[in-house]
Protein backbone atom coordinates (compact mmCIF):
# COMPACT_ATOMS: atom_id res chain seq x y z
CA UNK A 1 71.27 81.85 132.83
CA UNK A 2 71.90 82.06 129.05
CA UNK A 3 75.16 81.25 127.37
CA UNK A 4 76.74 82.78 124.31
CA UNK A 5 77.59 80.34 121.49
CA UNK A 6 78.06 80.41 117.73
CA UNK A 7 76.55 78.19 115.05
CA UNK A 8 76.73 77.99 111.19
CA UNK A 9 73.59 78.66 109.17
CA UNK A 10 73.07 78.81 105.65
CA UNK A 11 73.14 82.55 104.45
CA UNK A 12 69.90 82.32 102.60
CA UNK A 13 68.18 80.65 105.45
CA UNK A 14 69.42 83.26 107.73
CA UNK A 15 68.35 86.01 105.68
CA UNK A 16 64.93 84.65 105.17
CA UNK A 17 64.58 84.24 109.06
CA UNK A 18 65.71 87.83 109.62
CA UNK A 19 63.32 89.20 107.01
CA UNK A 20 60.34 87.15 108.66
CA UNK A 21 61.36 88.73 112.01
CA UNK A 22 62.15 85.23 113.66
CA UNK A 23 63.93 85.05 117.02
CA UNK A 24 66.80 83.01 115.90
CA UNK A 25 68.13 82.27 119.49
CA UNK A 26 64.88 81.22 120.96
CA UNK A 27 64.12 79.04 117.89
CA UNK A 28 67.38 77.19 118.22
CA UNK A 29 66.92 76.75 121.85
CA UNK A 30 63.39 75.19 121.55
CA UNK A 31 64.78 73.18 118.63
CA UNK A 32 67.47 71.68 121.02
CA UNK A 33 64.87 71.18 123.84
CA UNK A 34 62.94 69.13 121.42
CA UNK A 35 65.76 66.81 120.54
CA UNK A 36 67.18 66.54 124.10
CA UNK A 37 63.42 65.61 125.46
CA UNK A 38 63.16 62.97 122.72
CA UNK A 39 66.65 61.53 123.04
CA UNK A 40 66.35 61.37 126.80
CA UNK A 41 63.05 59.53 126.56
CA UNK A 42 64.57 57.06 124.10
CA UNK A 43 67.58 56.38 126.20
CA UNK A 44 65.26 55.79 129.14
CA UNK A 45 63.20 53.24 127.01
CA UNK A 46 66.43 51.49 125.66
CA UNK A 47 67.80 51.25 129.22
CA UNK A 48 64.57 49.73 130.52
CA UNK A 49 63.70 47.43 127.56
CA UNK A 50 67.36 46.62 126.42
CA UNK A 51 65.99 46.86 122.94
CA UNK A 52 67.92 49.05 120.48
CA UNK A 53 65.27 48.31 117.85
CA UNK A 54 62.87 50.77 119.58
CA UNK A 55 65.04 53.67 118.16
CA UNK A 56 63.43 53.38 114.62
CA UNK A 57 59.94 52.26 115.84
CA UNK A 58 59.52 54.91 118.50
CA UNK A 59 61.09 58.00 116.56
CA UNK A 60 60.10 57.01 113.25
CA UNK A 61 62.72 55.62 110.63
CA UNK A 62 63.68 57.38 107.46
CA UNK A 63 64.33 54.96 104.71
CA UNK A 64 67.21 57.09 103.33
CA UNK A 65 68.75 58.24 106.65
CA UNK A 66 71.91 56.71 107.97
CA UNK A 67 71.31 53.65 109.76
CA UNK A 68 71.10 54.26 113.44
CA UNK A 69 70.18 58.00 113.00
CA UNK A 70 66.79 58.93 114.68
CA UNK A 71 64.30 60.79 112.66
CA UNK A 72 61.23 62.50 114.20
CA UNK A 73 58.82 61.99 111.30
CA UNK A 74 55.92 64.42 110.40
CA UNK A 75 54.02 63.91 113.64
CA UNK A 76 56.90 64.73 115.94
CA UNK A 77 55.41 66.22 119.12
CA UNK A 78 56.80 69.46 120.35
CA UNK A 79 56.77 68.39 124.09
CA UNK A 80 59.35 70.08 126.58
CA UNK A 81 59.29 73.30 124.62
CA UNK A 82 58.25 76.11 126.88
CA UNK A 83 56.57 79.19 125.13
CA UNK A 84 57.84 82.53 126.08
CA UNK A 85 54.45 84.30 125.70
CA UNK A 86 55.96 87.79 126.11
CA UNK A 87 58.33 87.09 123.52
CA UNK A 88 55.68 85.65 121.16
CA UNK A 89 53.65 88.97 121.66
CA UNK A 90 56.72 90.99 120.62
CA UNK A 91 57.11 88.81 117.58
CA UNK A 92 53.36 89.36 116.81
CA UNK A 93 53.88 93.25 117.32
CA UNK A 94 56.69 93.18 114.83
CA UNK A 95 54.83 91.06 112.25
CA UNK A 96 51.25 92.38 112.28
CA UNK A 97 50.36 96.18 112.16
CA UNK A 98 46.63 95.59 113.00
CA UNK A 99 46.17 95.40 116.81
CA UNK A 100 43.09 93.16 116.64
CA UNK A 101 44.80 90.74 114.41
CA UNK A 102 47.72 90.54 116.97
CA UNK A 103 45.25 90.13 119.85
CA UNK A 104 43.28 87.34 118.02
CA UNK A 105 46.43 85.57 117.01
CA UNK A 106 47.91 85.65 120.54
CA UNK A 107 44.75 84.61 122.12
CA UNK A 108 43.91 81.64 119.94
CA UNK A 109 47.42 80.59 120.05
CA UNK A 110 47.57 80.55 123.80
CA UNK A 111 44.22 78.75 124.13
CA UNK A 112 44.94 76.17 121.74
CA UNK A 113 48.81 75.79 122.15
CA UNK A 114 48.25 72.11 123.07
CA UNK A 115 47.21 71.37 119.49
CA UNK A 116 50.70 72.16 118.52
CA UNK A 117 52.70 71.21 121.46
CA UNK A 118 50.96 67.97 122.15
CA UNK A 119 49.91 66.84 118.75
CA UNK A 120 46.34 67.27 119.66
CA UNK A 121 45.05 68.24 116.05
CA UNK A 122 41.98 65.98 116.63
CA UNK A 123 40.58 68.61 118.88
CA UNK A 124 40.00 71.03 115.90
CA UNK A 125 37.39 68.92 114.23
CA UNK A 126 34.84 69.95 116.92
CA UNK A 127 34.82 73.56 115.73
CA UNK A 128 33.35 75.40 112.65
CA UNK A 129 35.28 75.85 109.56
CA UNK A 130 35.68 79.70 110.29
CA UNK A 131 36.78 79.17 113.74
CA UNK A 132 39.14 76.41 112.91
CA UNK A 133 40.71 78.85 110.34
CA UNK A 134 41.30 81.36 112.98
CA UNK A 135 42.92 78.80 115.23
CA UNK A 136 45.17 77.56 112.50
CA UNK A 137 46.34 80.94 111.56
CA UNK A 138 47.31 81.62 115.24
CA UNK A 139 49.15 78.26 115.49
CA UNK A 140 50.83 78.93 112.28
CA UNK A 141 52.46 82.04 113.75
CA UNK A 142 53.23 80.29 116.81
CA UNK A 143 54.89 77.48 114.88
CA UNK A 144 56.93 79.94 113.03
CA UNK A 145 58.20 81.62 116.30
CA UNK A 146 59.05 78.17 117.82
CA UNK A 147 60.91 77.10 114.62
CA UNK A 148 58.46 74.15 113.90
CA UNK A 149 56.70 75.44 111.03
CA UNK A 150 57.44 72.80 108.52
CA UNK A 151 56.44 70.10 110.90
CA UNK A 152 53.20 72.03 111.68
CA UNK A 153 52.37 72.32 107.96
CA UNK A 154 52.87 68.45 107.58
CA UNK A 155 50.59 67.60 110.46
CA UNK A 156 47.93 70.08 109.10
CA UNK A 157 48.13 68.28 105.85
CA UNK A 158 48.04 64.78 107.32
CA UNK A 159 44.92 65.49 109.29
CA UNK A 160 43.18 67.06 106.19
CA UNK A 161 42.65 70.30 107.96
CA UNK A 162 41.95 73.51 105.89
CA UNK A 163 43.12 77.10 106.31
CA UNK A 164 40.58 79.21 104.40
CA UNK A 165 37.31 78.61 106.31
CA UNK A 166 34.52 78.64 103.93
CA UNK A 167 35.84 77.69 100.32
CA UNK A 168 35.37 79.99 97.23
CA UNK A 169 31.91 78.55 96.19
CA UNK A 170 30.53 78.83 99.77
CA UNK A 171 31.52 82.48 99.89
CA UNK A 172 29.91 83.17 96.59
CA UNK A 173 26.74 81.41 97.74
CA UNK A 174 26.62 83.29 100.97
CA UNK A 175 27.13 86.49 99.21
CA UNK A 176 24.18 85.85 96.71
CA UNK A 177 21.75 84.84 99.45
CA UNK A 178 22.71 87.83 101.69
CA UNK A 179 20.50 90.58 100.53
CA UNK A 180 21.53 94.09 101.43
CA UNK A 181 19.09 96.82 100.71
CA UNK A 182 21.12 100.09 100.47
CA UNK A 183 18.13 102.18 101.33
CA UNK A 184 17.51 100.05 104.38
CA UNK A 185 21.12 100.44 105.33
CA UNK A 186 21.03 104.23 104.96
CA UNK A 187 17.99 104.48 107.04
CA UNK A 188 19.91 102.55 109.79
CA UNK A 189 22.66 105.15 109.58
CA UNK A 190 20.02 107.95 110.10
CA UNK A 191 18.87 106.12 113.26
CA UNK A 192 22.35 105.91 114.49
CA UNK A 193 22.94 109.63 113.92
CA UNK A 194 19.74 110.76 115.66
CA UNK A 195 20.49 108.52 118.71
CA UNK A 196 24.28 109.50 118.86
CA UNK A 197 24.82 113.02 117.51
CA UNK A 198 28.58 112.75 118.42
CA UNK A 199 28.87 109.99 115.89
CA UNK A 200 27.35 112.06 112.89
CA UNK A 201 30.60 112.98 111.22
CA UNK A 202 32.00 109.39 111.63
CA UNK A 203 28.86 107.73 110.20
CA UNK A 204 28.93 110.31 107.21
CA UNK A 205 32.63 109.28 106.53
CA UNK A 206 31.65 105.63 106.70
CA UNK A 207 28.63 106.11 104.21
CA UNK A 208 30.63 108.35 101.91
CA UNK A 209 33.78 106.26 101.64
CA UNK A 210 32.78 102.65 101.93
CA UNK A 211 35.73 102.06 104.38
CA UNK A 212 35.86 99.03 106.68
CA UNK A 213 34.99 99.96 110.28
CA UNK A 214 38.50 99.70 111.52
CA UNK A 215 39.89 101.68 108.55
CA UNK A 216 37.22 104.37 109.15
CA UNK A 217 38.12 104.79 112.67
CA UNK A 218 41.80 105.17 111.79
CA UNK A 219 40.84 107.74 109.06
CA UNK A 220 38.71 109.61 111.42
CA UNK A 221 41.32 109.92 114.24
CA UNK A 222 44.03 110.57 111.80
CA UNK A 223 42.16 113.67 110.28
CA UNK A 224 41.63 114.90 114.03
CA UNK A 225 45.25 114.32 114.99
CA UNK A 226 46.97 115.91 111.76
CA UNK A 227 44.45 118.80 111.93
CA UNK A 228 45.50 119.54 115.59
CA UNK A 229 49.12 119.62 114.39
CA UNK A 230 48.31 121.81 111.40
CA UNK A 231 49.41 118.83 109.09
CA UNK A 232 46.09 117.94 107.60
CA UNK A 233 47.28 118.64 104.00
CA UNK A 234 49.70 115.77 104.40
CA UNK A 235 46.71 113.53 104.31
CA UNK A 236 43.76 115.36 102.46
CA UNK A 237 44.62 116.42 99.03
CA UNK A 238 42.15 119.28 98.54
CA UNK A 239 42.94 119.65 94.82
CA UNK A 240 41.76 116.03 94.07
CA UNK A 241 39.18 115.98 96.96
CA UNK A 242 40.61 112.69 98.33
CA UNK A 243 42.24 111.43 101.60
CA UNK A 244 45.51 109.66 100.52
CA UNK A 245 45.58 106.76 102.78
CA UNK A 246 48.50 105.16 100.92
CA UNK A 247 50.78 107.72 102.49
CA UNK A 248 50.24 106.03 105.86
CA UNK A 249 50.98 102.38 104.86
CA UNK A 250 51.32 101.21 108.41
CA UNK A 251 47.59 102.07 109.01
CA UNK A 252 45.93 101.30 105.75
CA UNK A 253 48.12 98.96 103.68
CA UNK A 254 47.85 95.54 105.20
CA UNK A 255 48.52 92.05 103.91
CA UNK A 256 44.88 91.16 103.03
CA UNK A 257 43.08 94.52 103.69
CA UNK A 258 44.06 97.70 101.93
CA UNK A 259 42.75 101.26 101.28
CA UNK A 260 44.59 103.62 98.99
CA UNK A 261 42.34 106.64 98.53
CA UNK A 262 38.81 107.91 99.45
CA UNK A 263 37.11 110.74 97.78
CA UNK A 264 35.34 112.98 100.43
CA UNK A 265 33.96 116.47 100.34
CA UNK A 266 35.98 119.11 102.13
CA UNK A 267 32.97 120.18 104.07
CA UNK A 268 33.03 116.75 105.93
CA UNK A 269 36.85 116.91 106.32
CA UNK A 270 36.46 120.32 107.99
CA UNK A 271 33.74 119.19 110.34
CA UNK A 272 35.64 116.06 111.32
CA UNK A 273 38.90 118.15 111.91
CA UNK A 274 37.10 120.25 114.52
CA UNK A 275 36.27 117.09 116.72
CA UNK A 276 38.44 117.06 119.86
CA UNK A 277 37.77 113.42 120.81
CA UNK A 278 38.96 110.38 118.93
CA UNK A 279 36.96 107.10 118.77
CA UNK A 280 37.72 103.38 119.12
CA UNK A 281 36.06 100.40 117.51
CA UNK A 282 35.10 98.88 120.90
CA UNK A 283 33.64 102.30 122.09
CA UNK A 284 31.41 102.48 118.81
CA UNK A 285 30.26 99.00 118.94
CA UNK A 286 29.48 98.94 122.72
CA UNK A 287 27.38 102.12 122.34
CA UNK A 288 25.39 100.65 119.52
CA UNK A 289 24.85 97.34 121.56
CA UNK A 290 23.35 99.24 124.40
CA UNK A 291 20.73 100.82 122.04
CA UNK A 292 17.71 98.98 120.65
CA UNK A 293 19.19 98.69 117.14
CA UNK A 294 21.12 95.95 115.42
CA UNK A 295 24.77 96.81 114.47
CA UNK A 296 25.07 97.00 110.70
CA UNK A 297 28.48 98.43 110.23
CA UNK A 298 29.46 95.58 108.05
CA UNK A 299 26.60 96.17 105.64
CA UNK A 300 27.65 99.75 104.91
CA UNK A 301 30.54 98.79 102.86
CA UNK A 302 28.34 96.57 100.64
CA UNK A 303 25.52 99.19 100.47
CA UNK A 304 28.02 101.68 99.34
CA UNK A 305 29.39 99.35 96.67
CA UNK A 306 25.80 98.61 95.40
CA UNK A 307 24.73 102.01 95.30
CA UNK A 308 27.94 103.33 93.56
CA UNK A 309 27.28 101.01 90.55
CA UNK A 310 25.11 103.72 89.30
CA UNK A 311 28.17 105.80 88.59
CA UNK A 312 31.21 103.41 88.79
CA UNK A 313 32.62 100.40 87.05
CA UNK A 314 33.25 97.22 89.20
CA UNK A 315 36.90 97.70 88.85
CA UNK A 316 36.68 101.43 90.03
CA UNK A 317 34.72 100.27 93.00
CA UNK A 318 37.26 97.60 93.72
CA UNK A 319 40.01 100.15 93.62
CA UNK A 320 38.12 102.51 95.99
CA UNK A 321 37.52 99.57 98.31
CA UNK A 322 41.24 98.55 98.28
CA UNK A 323 40.63 95.34 96.45
CA UNK A 324 43.61 95.75 94.14
CA UNK A 325 47.37 95.22 94.65
CA UNK A 326 49.53 98.20 95.39
CA UNK A 327 51.44 97.72 92.06
CA UNK A 328 48.07 97.78 90.07
CA UNK A 329 47.13 100.95 92.08
CA UNK A 330 50.43 102.82 91.04
CA UNK A 331 50.40 101.59 87.47
CA UNK A 332 46.76 102.04 86.55
CA UNK A 333 45.01 104.38 89.08
CA UNK A 334 47.63 107.01 90.27
CA UNK A 335 46.96 109.18 87.33
CA UNK A 336 45.88 112.89 87.42
CA UNK A 337 43.66 112.61 84.59
CA UNK A 338 41.85 109.44 85.71
CA UNK A 339 41.67 110.66 89.32
CA UNK A 340 39.99 113.80 88.10
CA UNK A 341 37.23 111.78 86.03
CA UNK A 342 36.82 109.37 88.80
CA UNK A 343 36.26 112.12 91.54
CA UNK A 344 33.47 113.71 89.57
CA UNK A 345 31.55 110.59 89.31
CA UNK A 346 32.15 109.62 92.93
CA UNK A 347 31.00 112.84 94.17
CA UNK A 348 27.70 112.51 92.17
CA UNK A 349 27.17 109.32 94.14
CA UNK A 350 28.21 110.92 97.46
CA UNK A 351 25.66 113.73 96.82
CA UNK A 352 22.76 111.23 96.60
CA UNK A 353 23.84 109.27 99.69
CA UNK A 354 24.12 112.54 101.63
CA UNK A 355 20.53 113.20 100.88
CA UNK A 356 19.41 109.68 101.90
CA UNK A 357 21.20 109.83 105.29
CA UNK A 358 20.46 113.38 106.23
CA UNK A 359 17.92 113.71 109.20
């Protein structure tokens, strides 16, 4: 049974906690559990050993702390803290708009919670850098939820663990050695369309826009849903010939992946709007896996960028692929004159791509 109490918290810290969506009550409760568990263990040790000196050696002594005050040090284990997984799931829902990201964070945190709760960081060295990065991101979210994030950061640093997976140089080398032939990718799109006629409009949308798979699915479904409600004009700007993703921030403007606009011919929008059935990422991927062809959805975006260099500057491709900040978008790109010029060149490229992926 819960009890109501009041505590004093620095206004700035309280504001930051609320902005991050932290469960203040749960964090305070878990922090108290940590201290209670530690102090009870220390009292037991002192009673058994009759050695008050064990306070500083067992808990970790701070040189500048008041004599006799226990300090938990950077490696304080979060033992005795129970995780409210339902509450953590709700915390993720409030913090992350992407369902897949939420699912990954939750699953990794639950599977590797012992790393955080039992100071088992050495376990992470057995995994690849990419997987270790996913685990650390999930544990970071869990640590924030439990109110032990600063302690978590110190442990990560102490063990020499990294967050970003492959470093910048490795990523550049991997991209240089990964050869994506646009014509080969466009031929694969034709194969997918022949084997799956119901995917034809969706595959055209991906090929013409260069959107990521998740973004393309959201875009496709949004067109269908708004058309059904007679509200498609809220999304598709017919005068500019573009889908204005930025109007639906919760779907397309994420912390690390963004999509602002996509130029697409009205003919494709009209075809897509007539579809009655929405799609899911899982449905598309599972269908392709059952067919004798390798999934190359990740290559479509790179093929689109490579092909569009015939008509667009690198900065313009970055803009269309969402690799600019929202402030740069509004300041430099949301300009009717620039949009008109950019649209003309994009549609030249789309016309060529259309010819390459037509049956």
